[in-house]
Amino acid sequence: MIFRLDKRLVFPDPALADADGLLAVGGDLSAERLILAYAHGIFPWYSEGEPILWYSPHERFVLRPDDVHISHSMRQLIRSDKYQVTWDRAFADVIHHCSSIKRPGQKGTWITKEMKGAYTALHHIGTAHSVEVWYEGNLVGGLYGVASGAVFCGESMFSSMPDTSKLALIYLCQQQPYRLIDCQMHTPHLERMGGRYIDRDSYTRFLMY
């Protein structure tokens, strides 16, 4: 059963989501609603022209920072100091690049103008964050997401030079105090870095730290 949200700041029990994780439709992207959603393991994901869709997958693909696997080539890249990595220095630029970069097999982006505004508002109140990777003063990679409890809920990443999104993720694991990185989507390279699935109950316990 898919629930329809109204103006009240409430969500149904995430365990009631359907097999694909879809839980509810409607509502808004106010900062208060987004913070409430992430605190309960719920996030918005929809395309331009669609109503807001809210998901809570029964399993989450996550990365534990203490378990992240860094390949020999990435260790060499880190030691080379070729790139500069920063935290929360250019959030708006990162989300812009994430929304505009072309991705294989995708015709468009779920990062709509409305989504950009909503997450930028979260950034201004200290809930959404970005990691930036720079080369000779130019932004060449990065990621952004939402902090909730001990979890960093990754929303999107981009790279315009090889391995720069991986570099941003490694920085997040090593330099920030999160116990779990929610990767949302499974990819082979995230799995090679140590990503794995956990169930909803295990995920929820991290949100409560």
N, C-alpha and C. Protein backbone atom coordinates (compact mmCIF):
# COMPACT_ATOMS: atom_id res chain seq x y z
N MET A 1 0.85 -1.20 0.00
CA MET A 1 0.00 0.00 0.00
C MET A 1 0.88 1.25 0.00
N ILE A 2 0.63 2.16 -0.92
CA ILE A 2 1.39 3.41 -0.99
C ILE A 2 0.58 4.51 -0.30
N PHE A 3 1.19 5.18 0.65
CA PHE A 3 0.50 6.20 1.44
C PHE A 3 0.61 7.57 0.78
N ARG A 4 -0.43 8.37 0.89
CA ARG A 4 -0.42 9.73 0.37
C ARG A 4 -0.22 10.71 1.53
N LEU A 5 0.82 11.54 1.42
CA LEU A 5 1.13 12.49 2.47
C LEU A 5 0.33 13.78 2.28
N ASP A 6 0.06 14.47 3.40
CA ASP A 6 -0.57 15.78 3.34
C ASP A 6 0.35 16.78 4.02
N LYS A 7 -0.18 17.85 4.56
CA LYS A 7 0.64 18.91 5.14
C LYS A 7 1.22 18.54 6.50
N ARG A 8 0.70 17.50 7.12
CA ARG A 8 1.21 17.11 8.42
C ARG A 8 2.61 16.51 8.28
N LEU A 9 3.46 16.81 9.28
CA LEU A 9 4.84 16.30 9.24
C LEU A 9 4.88 14.91 9.88
N VAL A 10 4.35 13.95 9.16
CA VAL A 10 4.35 12.56 9.62
C VAL A 10 4.63 11.64 8.43
N PHE A 11 5.20 10.47 8.72
CA PHE A 11 5.41 9.43 7.73
C PHE A 11 4.85 8.13 8.27
N PRO A 12 4.38 7.25 7.38
CA PRO A 12 3.97 5.92 7.84
C PRO A 12 5.19 5.10 8.27
N ASP A 13 4.95 4.00 8.93
CA ASP A 13 6.02 3.09 9.35
C ASP A 13 6.81 2.64 8.12
N PRO A 14 8.13 2.86 8.09
CA PRO A 14 8.94 2.46 6.92
C PRO A 14 8.82 0.99 6.56
N ALA A 15 8.51 0.15 7.54
CA ALA A 15 8.38 -1.29 7.28
C ALA A 15 7.21 -1.59 6.35
N LEU A 16 6.32 -0.62 6.13
CA LEU A 16 5.16 -0.82 5.26
C LEU A 16 5.47 -0.52 3.80
N ALA A 17 6.71 -0.18 3.49
CA ALA A 17 7.08 0.09 2.09
C ALA A 17 6.88 -1.16 1.25
N ASP A 18 6.63 -0.93 -0.06
CA ASP A 18 6.43 -2.09 -0.94
C ASP A 18 7.77 -2.76 -1.24
N ALA A 19 7.74 -3.78 -2.08
CA ALA A 19 8.95 -4.57 -2.33
C ALA A 19 10.09 -3.75 -2.91
N ASP A 20 9.78 -2.69 -3.67
CA ASP A 20 10.80 -1.82 -4.25
C ASP A 20 11.23 -0.71 -3.30
N GLY A 21 10.62 -0.65 -2.13
CA GLY A 21 10.97 0.38 -1.16
C GLY A 21 10.09 1.60 -1.20
N LEU A 22 9.17 1.70 -2.17
CA LEU A 22 8.29 2.86 -2.25
C LEU A 22 7.32 2.85 -1.09
N LEU A 23 7.29 3.96 -0.34
CA LEU A 23 6.49 4.05 0.87
C LEU A 23 5.33 5.04 0.74
N ALA A 24 5.61 6.22 0.18
CA ALA A 24 4.60 7.27 0.18
C ALA A 24 4.79 8.20 -1.01
N VAL A 25 3.76 9.01 -1.25
CA VAL A 25 3.78 9.98 -2.34
C VAL A 25 3.21 11.29 -1.83
N GLY A 26 3.75 12.40 -2.34
CA GLY A 26 3.21 13.71 -1.97
C GLY A 26 4.05 14.41 -0.93
N GLY A 27 3.41 15.32 -0.20
CA GLY A 27 4.14 16.11 0.78
C GLY A 27 4.95 17.22 0.13
N ASP A 28 6.05 17.57 0.75
CA ASP A 28 6.91 18.64 0.24
C ASP A 28 8.36 18.33 0.58
N LEU A 29 9.24 19.23 0.18
CA LEU A 29 10.66 19.05 0.46
C LEU A 29 11.16 20.09 1.45
N SER A 30 10.33 20.44 2.40
CA SER A 30 10.77 21.38 3.43
C SER A 30 11.90 20.75 4.25
N ALA A 31 12.71 21.60 4.84
CA ALA A 31 13.83 21.11 5.65
C ALA A 31 13.32 20.22 6.79
N GLU A 32 12.21 20.62 7.41
CA GLU A 32 11.67 19.85 8.53
C GLU A 32 11.25 18.45 8.09
N ARG A 33 10.61 18.35 6.92
CA ARG A 33 10.16 17.04 6.45
C ARG A 33 11.35 16.17 6.04
N LEU A 34 12.34 16.77 5.38
CA LEU A 34 13.50 15.99 4.97
C LEU A 34 14.27 15.46 6.18
N ILE A 35 14.46 16.28 7.19
CA ILE A 35 15.17 15.84 8.39
C ILE A 35 14.42 14.69 9.05
N LEU A 36 13.09 14.81 9.13
CA LEU A 36 12.28 13.75 9.71
C LEU A 36 12.39 12.47 8.88
N ALA A 37 12.36 12.62 7.56
CA ALA A 37 12.44 11.46 6.68
C ALA A 37 13.75 10.71 6.87
N TYR A 38 14.87 11.42 6.79
CA TYR A 38 16.17 10.76 6.91
C TYR A 38 16.36 10.13 8.28
N ALA A 39 15.79 10.74 9.32
CA ALA A 39 15.91 10.18 10.66
C ALA A 39 15.19 8.84 10.79
N HIS A 40 14.29 8.56 9.84
CA HIS A 40 13.54 7.29 9.85
C HIS A 40 13.91 6.40 8.66
N GLY A 41 15.01 6.71 8.01
CA GLY A 41 15.46 5.86 6.91
C GLY A 41 14.66 6.03 5.64
N ILE A 42 14.11 7.21 5.41
CA ILE A 42 13.28 7.50 4.24
C ILE A 42 13.93 8.61 3.44
N PHE A 43 13.85 8.52 2.12
CA PHE A 43 14.41 9.59 1.28
C PHE A 43 13.54 9.80 0.04
N PRO A 44 13.58 11.02 -0.55
CA PRO A 44 12.80 11.28 -1.76
C PRO A 44 13.60 10.90 -3.00
N TRP A 45 12.90 10.39 -3.99
CA TRP A 45 13.56 10.03 -5.26
C TRP A 45 12.50 10.01 -6.35
N TYR A 46 12.58 10.96 -7.24
CA TYR A 46 11.57 11.07 -8.30
C TYR A 46 12.15 11.90 -9.44
N SER A 47 11.46 11.90 -10.57
CA SER A 47 11.93 12.63 -11.75
C SER A 47 11.09 13.88 -11.97
N GLU A 48 11.61 14.77 -12.79
CA GLU A 48 10.91 16.01 -13.13
C GLU A 48 9.52 15.68 -13.66
N GLY A 49 8.52 16.42 -13.16
CA GLY A 49 7.16 16.22 -13.62
C GLY A 49 6.37 15.17 -12.85
N GLU A 50 7.04 14.42 -11.96
CA GLU A 50 6.38 13.42 -11.14
C GLU A 50 6.07 14.01 -9.76
N PRO A 51 5.09 13.43 -9.05
CA PRO A 51 4.91 13.80 -7.65
C PRO A 51 6.12 13.33 -6.84
N ILE A 52 6.29 13.89 -5.66
CA ILE A 52 7.40 13.47 -4.80
C ILE A 52 7.15 12.05 -4.33
N LEU A 53 8.13 11.18 -4.56
CA LEU A 53 8.04 9.78 -4.14
C LEU A 53 9.03 9.55 -3.00
N TRP A 54 8.59 8.86 -1.97
CA TRP A 54 9.41 8.62 -0.78
C TRP A 54 9.70 7.13 -0.65
N TYR A 55 10.98 6.80 -0.47
CA TYR A 55 11.41 5.40 -0.44
C TYR A 55 12.05 5.04 0.91
N SER A 56 11.88 3.79 1.26
CA SER A 56 12.58 3.21 2.41
C SER A 56 12.86 1.75 2.09
N PRO A 57 13.98 1.47 1.43
CA PRO A 57 14.30 0.09 1.02
C PRO A 57 14.40 -0.86 2.22
N HIS A 58 14.04 -2.10 1.99
CA HIS A 58 14.11 -3.10 3.05
C HIS A 58 15.56 -3.50 3.33
N GLU A 59 16.43 -3.31 2.37
CA GLU A 59 17.87 -3.50 2.56
C GLU A 59 18.59 -2.24 2.09
N ARG A 60 19.71 -1.93 2.73
CA ARG A 60 20.49 -0.75 2.35
C ARG A 60 21.89 -1.19 1.98
N PHE A 61 22.40 -0.60 0.90
CA PHE A 61 23.78 -0.87 0.50
C PHE A 61 24.65 0.18 1.17
N VAL A 62 25.52 -0.26 2.07
CA VAL A 62 26.25 0.66 2.93
C VAL A 62 27.74 0.35 2.94
N LEU A 63 28.48 1.30 3.47
CA LEU A 63 29.92 1.17 3.62
C LEU A 63 30.29 1.59 5.03
N ARG A 64 30.95 0.71 5.75
CA ARG A 64 31.46 1.07 7.08
C ARG A 64 32.83 1.73 6.90
N PRO A 65 33.00 2.95 7.38
CA PRO A 65 34.28 3.64 7.19
C PRO A 65 35.49 2.85 7.66
N ASP A 66 35.35 2.12 8.77
CA ASP A 66 36.49 1.35 9.29
C ASP A 66 36.86 0.17 8.39
N ASP A 67 35.93 -0.23 7.52
CA ASP A 67 36.16 -1.40 6.68
C ASP A 67 36.47 -1.05 5.23
N VAL A 68 36.57 0.24 4.92
CA VAL A 68 36.75 0.63 3.52
C VAL A 68 38.06 0.07 2.97
N HIS A 69 37.99 -0.52 1.80
CA HIS A 69 39.18 -1.07 1.14
C HIS A 69 39.74 -0.04 0.17
N ILE A 70 40.99 0.31 0.35
CA ILE A 70 41.66 1.28 -0.52
C ILE A 70 42.69 0.53 -1.35
N SER A 71 42.51 0.54 -2.65
CA SER A 71 43.40 -0.20 -3.53
C SER A 71 44.79 0.41 -3.53
N HIS A 72 45.74 -0.37 -4.02
CA HIS A 72 47.13 0.10 -4.10
C HIS A 72 47.22 1.36 -4.97
N SER A 73 46.50 1.37 -6.09
CA SER A 73 46.56 2.53 -6.99
C SER A 73 45.97 3.77 -6.32
N MET A 74 44.89 3.60 -5.52
CA MET A 74 44.32 4.75 -4.83
C MET A 74 45.24 5.24 -3.73
N ARG A 75 45.94 4.34 -3.07
CA ARG A 75 46.90 4.77 -2.05
C ARG A 75 48.02 5.59 -2.68
N GLN A 76 48.44 5.16 -3.85
CA GLN A 76 49.47 5.93 -4.56
C GLN A 76 48.95 7.31 -4.94
N LEU A 77 47.70 7.37 -5.39
CA LEU A 77 47.11 8.65 -5.77
C LEU A 77 47.01 9.58 -4.57
N ILE A 78 46.60 9.05 -3.42
CA ILE A 78 46.50 9.86 -2.22
C ILE A 78 47.85 10.40 -1.81
N ARG A 79 48.87 9.56 -1.86
CA ARG A 79 50.22 9.99 -1.46
C ARG A 79 50.81 11.00 -2.43
N SER A 80 50.34 11.01 -3.66
CA SER A 80 50.91 11.91 -4.66
C SER A 80 50.57 13.37 -4.43
N ASP A 81 49.52 13.63 -3.64
CA ASP A 81 49.05 15.00 -3.39
C ASP A 81 48.70 15.72 -4.69
N LYS A 82 48.27 14.96 -5.67
CA LYS A 82 47.87 15.56 -6.95
C LYS A 82 46.63 16.42 -6.79
N TYR A 83 45.73 16.00 -5.90
CA TYR A 83 44.47 16.70 -5.71
C TYR A 83 44.38 17.29 -4.30
N GLN A 84 43.59 18.34 -4.19
CA GLN A 84 43.25 18.90 -2.89
C GLN A 84 41.80 18.50 -2.59
N VAL A 85 41.56 18.03 -1.37
CA VAL A 85 40.22 17.62 -0.98
C VAL A 85 39.73 18.52 0.16
N THR A 86 38.50 19.02 0.04
CA THR A 86 37.95 19.93 1.03
C THR A 86 36.57 19.46 1.47
N TRP A 87 36.08 20.06 2.56
CA TRP A 87 34.79 19.72 3.16
C TRP A 87 33.92 20.97 3.20
N ASP A 88 32.73 20.89 2.62
CA ASP A 88 31.75 21.98 2.68
C ASP A 88 32.27 23.31 2.13
N ARG A 89 33.12 23.23 1.14
CA ARG A 89 33.65 24.47 0.57
C ARG A 89 32.83 24.95 -0.63
N ALA A 90 32.19 24.04 -1.36
CA ALA A 90 31.48 24.43 -2.58
C ALA A 90 30.27 23.53 -2.80
N PHE A 91 29.36 23.53 -1.82
CA PHE A 91 28.20 22.64 -1.89
C PHE A 91 27.38 22.87 -3.16
N ALA A 92 27.07 24.13 -3.44
CA ALA A 92 26.23 24.43 -4.61
C ALA A 92 26.87 23.96 -5.91
N ASP A 93 28.18 24.08 -6.02
CA ASP A 93 28.88 23.64 -7.23
C ASP A 93 28.86 22.12 -7.34
N VAL A 94 29.01 21.42 -6.22
CA VAL A 94 28.98 19.96 -6.25
C VAL A 94 27.63 19.45 -6.69
N ILE A 95 26.55 19.98 -6.12
CA ILE A 95 25.23 19.50 -6.49
C ILE A 95 24.90 19.84 -7.94
N HIS A 96 25.42 20.97 -8.41
CA HIS A 96 25.23 21.32 -9.83
C HIS A 96 25.92 20.31 -10.74
N HIS A 97 27.16 19.97 -10.43
CA HIS A 97 27.89 19.00 -11.25
C HIS A 97 27.23 17.62 -11.19
N CYS A 98 26.76 17.23 -10.00
CA CYS A 98 26.10 15.93 -9.87
C CYS A 98 24.83 15.87 -10.73
N SER A 99 24.14 16.99 -10.86
CA SER A 99 22.90 17.00 -11.62
C SER A 99 23.12 17.08 -13.13
N SER A 100 24.28 17.60 -13.54
CA SER A 100 24.48 17.86 -14.97
C SER A 100 25.41 16.86 -15.67
N ILE A 101 26.18 16.08 -14.90
CA ILE A 101 27.11 15.17 -15.53
C ILE A 101 26.36 14.03 -16.22
N LYS A 102 26.82 13.61 -17.38
CA LYS A 102 26.18 12.53 -18.11
C LYS A 102 26.58 11.18 -17.50
N ARG A 103 25.59 10.31 -17.31
CA ARG A 103 25.82 9.01 -16.71
C ARG A 103 25.37 7.92 -17.67
N PRO A 104 26.17 6.89 -17.87
CA PRO A 104 25.81 5.80 -18.80
C PRO A 104 24.47 5.16 -18.42
N GLY A 105 23.59 5.01 -19.39
CA GLY A 105 22.32 4.34 -19.17
C GLY A 105 21.24 5.21 -18.58
N GLN A 106 21.53 6.50 -18.32
CA GLN A 106 20.53 7.40 -17.76
C GLN A 106 20.25 8.54 -18.73
N LYS A 107 18.97 8.80 -18.98
CA LYS A 107 18.57 9.84 -19.92
C LYS A 107 18.56 11.22 -19.26
N GLY A 108 18.35 11.26 -17.97
CA GLY A 108 18.27 12.54 -17.28
C GLY A 108 18.75 12.42 -15.86
N THR A 109 18.26 13.32 -15.00
CA THR A 109 18.69 13.34 -13.61
C THR A 109 17.49 13.42 -12.69
N TRP A 110 17.62 12.83 -11.51
CA TRP A 110 16.59 12.97 -10.48
C TRP A 110 16.84 14.21 -9.64
N ILE A 111 17.96 14.90 -9.86
CA ILE A 111 18.29 16.08 -9.05
C ILE A 111 17.64 17.28 -9.72
N THR A 112 16.37 17.49 -9.48
CA THR A 112 15.61 18.55 -10.10
C THR A 112 15.96 19.90 -9.45
N LYS A 113 15.45 20.96 -10.05
CA LYS A 113 15.65 22.30 -9.49
C LYS A 113 15.11 22.37 -8.07
N GLU A 114 13.95 21.73 -7.84
CA GLU A 114 13.34 21.70 -6.52
C GLU A 114 14.24 20.96 -5.52
N MET A 115 14.82 19.84 -5.98
CA MET A 115 15.72 19.07 -5.11
C MET A 115 16.97 19.89 -4.77
N LYS A 116 17.53 20.57 -5.75
CA LYS A 116 18.71 21.40 -5.50
C LYS A 116 18.42 22.42 -4.41
N GLY A 117 17.28 23.10 -4.53
CA GLY A 117 16.92 24.11 -3.55
C GLY A 117 16.74 23.53 -2.17
N ALA A 118 16.12 22.35 -2.10
CA ALA A 118 15.84 21.73 -0.81
C ALA A 118 17.13 21.31 -0.10
N TYR A 119 18.05 20.69 -0.85
CA TYR A 119 19.29 20.23 -0.22
C TYR A 119 20.24 21.38 0.08
N THR A 120 20.17 22.43 -0.72
CA THR A 120 20.97 23.62 -0.40
C THR A 120 20.48 24.25 0.89
N ALA A 121 19.16 24.25 1.10
CA ALA A 121 18.61 24.76 2.36
C ALA A 121 19.09 23.91 3.54
N LEU A 122 19.13 22.58 3.34
CA LEU A 122 19.66 21.71 4.39
C LEU A 122 21.13 22.01 4.67
N HIS A 123 21.87 22.31 3.62
CA HIS A 123 23.28 22.65 3.80
C HIS A 123 23.44 23.92 4.64
N HIS A 124 22.58 24.89 4.40
CA HIS A 124 22.68 26.16 5.12
C HIS A 124 22.42 25.99 6.62
N ILE A 125 21.67 24.96 7.01
CA ILE A 125 21.42 24.74 8.43
C ILE A 125 22.32 23.65 9.01
N GLY A 126 23.29 23.19 8.20
CA GLY A 126 24.30 22.27 8.70
C GLY A 126 23.94 20.80 8.67
N THR A 127 22.92 20.43 7.89
CA THR A 127 22.50 19.03 7.83
C THR A 127 23.01 18.32 6.59
N ALA A 128 23.12 19.02 5.48
CA ALA A 128 23.67 18.46 4.24
C ALA A 128 25.10 18.95 4.06
N HIS A 129 25.96 18.08 3.52
CA HIS A 129 27.38 18.39 3.41
C HIS A 129 27.93 17.94 2.06
N SER A 130 29.09 18.48 1.73
CA SER A 130 29.74 18.09 0.48
C SER A 130 31.23 17.87 0.70
N VAL A 131 31.78 17.01 -0.14
CA VAL A 131 33.24 16.84 -0.24
C VAL A 131 33.63 17.27 -1.64
N GLU A 132 34.69 18.07 -1.73
CA GLU A 132 35.12 18.57 -3.03
C GLU A 132 36.55 18.12 -3.33
N VAL A 133 36.81 17.78 -4.58
CA VAL A 133 38.15 17.41 -5.03
C VAL A 133 38.58 18.42 -6.09
N TRP A 134 39.76 19.02 -5.89
CA TRP A 134 40.23 20.11 -6.74
C TRP A 134 41.52 19.72 -7.44
N TYR A 135 41.66 20.18 -8.66
CA TYR A 135 42.90 20.03 -9.40
C TYR A 135 43.26 21.37 -10.02
N GLU A 136 44.38 21.92 -9.58
CA GLU A 136 44.84 23.23 -10.06
C GLU A 136 43.74 24.27 -9.96
N GLY A 137 43.01 24.25 -8.85
CA GLY A 137 41.98 25.24 -8.59
C GLY A 137 40.63 24.96 -9.21
N ASN A 138 40.51 23.86 -9.94
CA ASN A 138 39.24 23.51 -10.60
C ASN A 138 38.58 22.34 -9.88
N LEU A 139 37.26 22.40 -9.74
CA LEU A 139 36.50 21.33 -9.11
C LEU A 139 36.37 20.17 -10.10
N VAL A 140 36.93 19.01 -9.74
CA VAL A 140 36.96 17.87 -10.68
C VAL A 140 36.29 16.62 -10.12
N GLY A 141 35.76 16.69 -8.92
CA GLY A 141 35.09 15.54 -8.34
C GLY A 141 34.48 15.92 -7.01
N GLY A 142 33.56 15.07 -6.54
CA GLY A 142 32.97 15.34 -5.24
C GLY A 142 31.71 14.54 -5.00
N LEU A 143 31.13 14.77 -3.84
CA LEU A 143 29.89 14.11 -3.45
C LEU A 143 29.15 15.00 -2.47
N TYR A 144 27.85 14.71 -2.30
CA TYR A 144 27.09 15.42 -1.28
C TYR A 144 26.09 14.45 -0.66
N GLY A 145 25.61 14.80 0.53
CA GLY A 145 24.65 13.95 1.20
C GLY A 145 24.13 14.59 2.47
N VAL A 146 23.40 13.81 3.24
CA VAL A 146 22.72 14.30 4.44
C VAL A 146 23.21 13.52 5.66
N ALA A 147 23.51 14.23 6.72
CA ALA A 147 23.92 13.60 7.97
C ALA A 147 22.69 13.35 8.83
N SER A 148 22.56 12.11 9.35
CA SER A 148 21.45 11.76 10.24
C SER A 148 21.94 10.74 11.24
N GLY A 149 21.99 11.13 12.50
CA GLY A 149 22.56 10.25 13.51
C GLY A 149 24.01 9.96 13.19
N ALA A 150 24.39 8.69 13.23
CA ALA A 150 25.76 8.30 12.92
C ALA A 150 25.94 7.94 11.45
N VAL A 151 24.92 8.28 10.63
CA VAL A 151 24.92 7.90 9.22
C VAL A 151 25.10 9.12 8.31
N PHE A 152 25.94 8.95 7.29
CA PHE A 152 26.00 9.93 6.21
C PHE A 152 25.26 9.31 5.03
N CYS A 153 24.14 9.90 4.66
CA CYS A 153 23.30 9.38 3.58
C CYS A 153 23.76 10.00 2.26
N GLY A 154 24.58 9.27 1.52
CA GLY A 154 25.10 9.78 0.27
C GLY A 154 24.01 9.95 -0.77
N GLU A 155 23.97 11.10 -1.40
CA GLU A 155 22.94 11.37 -2.40
C GLU A 155 23.48 11.20 -3.82
N SER A 156 24.63 11.77 -4.10
CA SER A 156 25.18 11.65 -5.45
C SER A 156 26.66 12.03 -5.42
N MET A 157 27.38 11.58 -6.46
CA MET A 157 28.78 11.95 -6.60
C MET A 157 29.09 12.15 -8.08
N PHE A 158 30.18 12.80 -8.36
CA PHE A 158 30.58 13.01 -9.75
C PHE A 158 32.09 13.02 -9.85
N SER A 159 32.59 12.79 -11.05
CA SER A 159 34.02 12.92 -11.31
C SER A 159 34.21 13.33 -12.76
N SER A 160 35.07 14.30 -12.97
CA SER A 160 35.44 14.70 -14.33
C SER A 160 36.90 14.35 -14.63
N MET A 161 37.59 13.80 -13.63
CA MET A 161 38.92 13.25 -13.80
C MET A 161 38.94 11.89 -13.10
N PRO A 162 39.77 10.96 -13.55
CA PRO A 162 39.73 9.58 -13.04
C PRO A 162 39.86 9.49 -11.53
N ASP A 163 38.97 8.70 -10.93
CA ASP A 163 39.04 8.31 -9.51
C ASP A 163 38.78 9.44 -8.53
N THR A 164 38.32 10.59 -9.00
CA THR A 164 38.13 11.70 -8.05
C THR A 164 36.90 11.50 -7.17
N SER A 165 35.86 10.82 -7.66
CA SER A 165 34.72 10.54 -6.77
C SER A 165 35.12 9.52 -5.71
N LYS A 166 35.95 8.54 -6.08
CA LYS A 166 36.45 7.58 -5.10
C LYS A 166 37.29 8.30 -4.03
N LEU A 167 38.08 9.25 -4.47
CA LEU A 167 38.91 10.01 -3.54
C LEU A 167 38.04 10.77 -2.55
N ALA A 168 36.94 11.35 -3.04
CA ALA A 168 36.01 12.06 -2.15
C ALA A 168 35.41 11.11 -1.13
N LEU A 169 35.05 9.91 -1.55
CA LEU A 169 34.45 8.94 -0.65
C LEU A 169 35.45 8.47 0.40
N ILE A 170 36.68 8.24 0.00
CA ILE A 170 37.71 7.83 0.96
C ILE A 170 37.95 8.93 2.00
N TYR A 171 37.97 10.17 1.54
CA TYR A 171 38.11 11.30 2.46
C TYR A 171 36.96 11.30 3.47
N LEU A 172 35.74 11.09 2.98
CA LEU A 172 34.57 11.06 3.87
C LEU A 172 34.73 9.97 4.92
N CYS A 173 35.20 8.81 4.51
CA CYS A 173 35.38 7.69 5.44
C CYS A 173 36.48 7.96 6.47
N GLN A 174 37.54 8.61 6.05
CA GLN A 174 38.70 8.78 6.91
C GLN A 174 38.69 10.05 7.75
N GLN A 175 38.02 11.09 7.28
CA GLN A 175 38.13 12.40 7.93
C GLN A 175 36.88 12.85 8.67
N GLN A 176 35.75 12.18 8.49
CA GLN A 176 34.52 12.62 9.13
C GLN A 176 34.00 11.55 10.08
N PRO A 177 33.29 11.97 11.15
CA PRO A 177 32.97 11.05 12.25
C PRO A 177 31.70 10.23 12.07
N TYR A 178 31.51 9.62 10.91
CA TYR A 178 30.31 8.81 10.69
C TYR A 178 30.63 7.33 10.87
N ARG A 179 29.66 6.59 11.36
CA ARG A 179 29.87 5.16 11.57
C ARG A 179 29.37 4.33 10.39
N LEU A 180 28.60 4.98 9.51
CA LEU A 180 28.05 4.27 8.36
C LEU A 180 27.82 5.25 7.22
N ILE A 181 28.18 4.83 6.01
CA ILE A 181 27.89 5.60 4.80
C ILE A 181 26.80 4.86 4.04
N ASP A 182 25.66 5.51 3.86
CA ASP A 182 24.57 4.91 3.08
C ASP A 182 24.83 5.24 1.61
N CYS A 183 25.19 4.22 0.84
CA CYS A 183 25.52 4.42 -0.58
C CYS A 183 24.27 4.44 -1.47
N GLN A 184 23.14 4.01 -0.94
CA GLN A 184 21.86 3.93 -1.65
C GLN A 184 21.89 2.93 -2.80
N MET A 185 22.72 3.19 -3.81
CA MET A 185 22.74 2.35 -4.99
C MET A 185 23.98 1.45 -5.01
N HIS A 186 23.77 0.18 -5.33
CA HIS A 186 24.90 -0.74 -5.47
C HIS A 186 25.63 -0.48 -6.78
N THR A 187 26.95 -0.42 -6.71
CA THR A 187 27.78 -0.39 -7.91
C THR A 187 28.96 -1.34 -7.67
N PRO A 188 29.54 -1.89 -8.74
CA PRO A 188 30.68 -2.79 -8.56
C PRO A 188 31.85 -2.14 -7.83
N HIS A 189 32.13 -0.86 -8.14
CA HIS A 189 33.31 -0.26 -7.50
C HIS A 189 33.05 0.00 -6.02
N LEU A 190 31.80 0.29 -5.63
CA LEU A 190 31.51 0.45 -4.21
C LEU A 190 31.60 -0.90 -3.49
N GLU A 191 31.20 -1.96 -4.16
CA GLU A 191 31.33 -3.28 -3.57
C GLU A 191 32.79 -3.65 -3.37
N ARG A 192 33.62 -3.30 -4.35
CA ARG A 192 35.06 -3.58 -4.22
C ARG A 192 35.68 -2.78 -3.08
N MET A 193 35.10 -1.62 -2.78
CA MET A 193 35.61 -0.80 -1.69
C MET A 193 35.12 -1.29 -0.32
N GLY A 194 34.25 -2.30 -0.31
CA GLY A 194 33.79 -2.86 0.95
C GLY A 194 32.31 -2.70 1.20
N GLY A 195 31.56 -2.16 0.25
CA GLY A 195 30.14 -1.99 0.42
C GLY A 195 29.40 -3.32 0.53
N ARG A 196 28.33 -3.33 1.32
CA ARG A 196 27.54 -4.54 1.47
C ARG A 196 26.11 -4.16 1.89
N TYR A 197 25.20 -5.11 1.79
CA TYR A 197 23.82 -4.88 2.18
C TYR A 197 23.61 -5.19 3.66
N ILE A 198 22.78 -4.36 4.31
CA ILE A 198 22.32 -4.67 5.67
C ILE A 198 20.80 -4.49 5.69
N ASP A 199 20.15 -5.10 6.65
CA ASP A 199 18.69 -5.00 6.71
C ASP A 199 18.26 -3.69 7.37
N ARG A 200 16.97 -3.41 7.29
CA ARG A 200 16.44 -2.15 7.79
C ARG A 200 16.67 -1.98 9.29
N ASP A 201 16.47 -3.02 10.07
CA ASP A 201 16.64 -2.90 11.52
C ASP A 201 18.08 -2.52 11.88
N SER A 202 19.05 -3.13 11.21
CA SER A 202 20.45 -2.80 11.47
C SER A 202 20.74 -1.36 11.09
N TYR A 203 20.19 -0.93 9.96
CA TYR A 203 20.38 0.44 9.49
C TYR A 203 19.77 1.43 10.49
N THR A 204 18.57 1.14 10.97
CA THR A 204 17.88 2.04 11.88
C THR A 204 18.66 2.24 13.17
N ARG A 205 19.35 1.20 13.63
CA ARG A 205 20.12 1.34 14.86
C ARG A 205 21.23 2.38 14.70
N PHE A 206 21.82 2.48 13.53
CA PHE A 206 22.85 3.51 13.31
C PHE A 206 22.23 4.90 13.31
N LEU A 207 21.01 5.04 12.82
CA LEU A 207 20.35 6.34 12.81
C LEU A 207 20.08 6.85 14.22
N MET A 208 20.03 5.94 15.17
CA MET A 208 19.67 6.31 16.54
C MET A 208 20.86 6.72 17.39
N TYR A 209 22.09 6.61 16.85
CA TYR A 209 23.27 7.01 17.61
C TYR A 209 23.29 8.52 17.78
